[in-house]
Amino acid sequence: MGAPPVAVRHILAVCRTCHRYAPPRPGEPTPGERLADRLETLIAGTGLAERLTLRRVECLSGCRHPCNVSLSAFGKTRLRFNGVGLEQAEPLVLLAHRYLDSTRGEVRGDAGPLGLETRIASAVPPPAATN
């Protein structure tokens, strides 16, 4: 008998330092922090909360086009979005549902109806399996 399947943990990473080139006044959160706060609120208490980890990270390498967010999981395409504002928080959560339900993270076409297609900065497929 084999081991039970391991649940894949999905990561929604939000750059907390965005906008690096326009720092807020002392005591004010960055736009990235505000976005992370909004996403955290939208995810809390939903089925996503058990399968999706929100991480506030220092950088997602998209400083020229802040605010940056990525969706990733082992064995799935890693999607990075840039120029994401509070108005994209709800569509991003809807897309996260689709991403979690996808086999390999291929949701690019699904992003279009949500208004996120033009915000996809990169889609990095998982490494090919080797024997």
Protein backbone atom coordinates (compact mmCIF):
# COMPACT_ATOMS: atom_id res chain seq x y z
CA MET A 1 0.00 0.00 0.00
CA GLY A 2 1.34 3.45 -0.92
CA ALA A 3 1.46 6.52 1.23
CA PRO A 4 -1.61 8.77 1.19
CA PRO A 5 -1.37 11.64 -1.31
CA VAL A 6 0.14 14.81 0.05
CA ALA A 7 -1.99 17.92 -0.36
CA VAL A 8 -0.27 20.51 -2.53
CA ARG A 9 0.16 23.81 -0.72
CA HIS A 10 -0.55 26.83 -2.89
CA ILE A 11 1.16 30.15 -2.27
CA LEU A 12 -0.21 33.61 -3.00
CA ALA A 13 2.79 35.91 -2.57
CA VAL A 14 2.38 39.68 -2.37
CA CYS A 15 5.30 42.08 -2.53
CA ARG A 16 5.07 44.08 0.67
CA THR A 17 7.73 46.58 -0.44
CA CYS A 18 5.87 47.71 -3.58
CA HIS A 19 6.02 50.55 -4.47
CA ARG A 20 9.74 50.62 -3.72
CA TYR A 21 10.38 53.80 -5.71
CA ALA A 22 7.59 55.78 -4.05
CA PRO A 23 7.84 54.99 -0.34
CA PRO A 24 4.86 55.95 1.80
CA ARG A 25 4.98 58.46 4.58
CA PRO A 26 6.23 57.13 7.91
CA GLY A 27 3.57 54.98 9.56
CA GLU A 28 1.60 54.45 6.32
CA PRO A 29 1.44 50.99 4.75
CA THR A 30 2.82 50.47 1.26
CA PRO A 31 0.34 49.78 -1.55
CA GLY A 32 1.62 46.18 -1.44
CA GLU A 33 0.78 45.91 2.26
CA ARG A 34 -2.69 47.35 1.64
CA LEU A 35 -3.22 44.82 -1.14
CA ALA A 36 -2.04 41.96 1.10
CA ASP A 37 -4.42 43.14 3.85
CA ARG A 38 -7.34 43.17 1.40
CA LEU A 39 -6.49 39.73 0.01
CA GLU A 40 -6.15 38.34 3.54
CA THR A 41 -9.63 39.66 4.38
CA LEU A 42 -11.14 38.16 1.20
CA ILE A 43 -9.53 34.76 1.79
CA ALA A 44 -10.26 34.46 5.53
CA GLY A 45 -13.13 32.14 6.34
CA THR A 46 -13.35 30.70 2.82
CA GLY A 47 -12.40 27.31 1.45
CA LEU A 48 -9.28 28.97 0.08
CA ALA A 49 -7.94 29.64 3.56
CA GLU A 50 -7.25 25.95 4.10
CA ARG A 51 -5.42 25.44 0.81
CA LEU A 52 -3.79 28.79 0.08
CA THR A 53 -1.04 30.48 2.06
CA LEU A 54 -0.74 34.25 1.75
CA ARG A 55 2.88 35.33 2.05
CA ARG A 56 4.08 38.89 2.31
CA VAL A 57 7.47 38.86 0.60
CA GLU A 58 10.20 41.45 0.16
CA CYS A 59 10.35 41.38 -3.63
CA LEU A 60 8.91 39.55 -6.64
CA SER A 61 11.35 41.15 -9.13
CA GLY A 62 8.85 43.44 -10.79
CA CYS A 63 9.81 46.76 -9.24
CA ARG A 64 9.41 48.66 -12.51
CA HIS A 65 5.71 47.69 -12.53
CA PRO A 66 4.47 47.53 -8.91
CA CYS A 67 2.38 45.99 -7.20
CA ASN A 68 3.40 42.37 -7.79
CA VAL A 69 1.62 39.18 -6.82
CA SER A 70 2.35 35.55 -7.68
CA LEU A 71 0.46 32.26 -7.54
CA SER A 72 2.53 29.10 -7.25
CA ALA A 73 2.46 25.47 -6.16
CA PHE A 74 4.73 22.46 -6.63
CA GLY A 75 4.18 21.00 -10.10
CA LYS A 76 2.25 24.00 -11.40
CA THR A 77 3.00 26.98 -13.58
CA ARG A 78 4.07 29.97 -11.47
CA LEU A 79 2.10 33.06 -12.43
CA ARG A 80 3.33 36.57 -11.61
CA PHE A 81 1.10 39.60 -12.00
CA ASN A 82 2.17 43.22 -11.89
CA GLY A 83 0.33 46.50 -11.57
CA VAL A 84 -2.21 44.89 -9.25
CA GLY A 85 -4.28 47.31 -7.20
CA LEU A 86 -7.02 46.97 -4.64
CA GLU A 87 -9.58 46.85 -7.47
CA GLN A 88 -8.02 43.59 -8.70
CA ALA A 89 -8.13 41.87 -5.28
CA GLU A 90 -11.51 40.19 -5.79
CA PRO A 91 -10.77 39.00 -9.36
CA LEU A 92 -7.41 37.68 -8.11
CA VAL A 93 -9.15 35.63 -5.41
CA LEU A 94 -11.53 34.21 -8.05
CA LEU A 95 -8.55 33.32 -10.22
CA ALA A 96 -6.84 31.72 -7.21
CA HIS A 97 -9.84 29.36 -6.90
CA ARG A 98 -9.39 28.37 -10.55
CA TYR A 99 -5.64 27.98 -10.09
CA LEU A 100 -6.09 25.69 -7.10
CA ASP A 101 -8.54 23.56 -9.05
CA SER A 102 -6.27 23.35 -12.12
CA THR A 103 -3.97 20.40 -12.68
CA ARG A 104 -0.87 22.32 -13.78
CA GLY A 105 -1.73 25.96 -13.09
CA GLU A 106 -2.71 26.79 -16.66
CA VAL A 107 -5.30 29.52 -16.14
CA ARG A 108 -4.11 32.27 -18.50
CA GLY A 109 -7.25 32.19 -20.63
CA ASP A 110 -9.39 32.24 -17.49
CA ALA A 111 -7.69 35.47 -16.39
CA GLY A 112 -9.07 37.43 -19.35
CA PRO A 113 -12.73 37.54 -18.25
CA LEU A 114 -11.56 38.67 -14.80
CA GLY A 115 -9.58 41.62 -16.17
CA LEU A 116 -6.23 40.14 -15.16
CA GLU A 117 -4.91 38.90 -18.52
CA THR A 118 -2.95 42.10 -19.23
CA ARG A 119 -1.45 42.01 -15.74
CA ILE A 120 0.27 38.63 -16.20
CA ALA A 121 3.98 39.48 -16.21
CA SER A 122 5.27 35.91 -16.38
CA ALA A 123 4.10 32.33 -16.52
CA VAL A 124 6.90 29.91 -15.65
CA PRO A 125 6.03 26.26 -16.18
CA PRO A 126 7.20 23.66 -13.68
CA PRO A 127 10.40 21.79 -14.46
CA ALA A 128 9.97 18.73 -16.63
CA ALA A 129 9.94 15.45 -14.74
CA THR A 130 13.11 13.43 -15.08
CA ASN A 131 13.63 9.75 -14.45
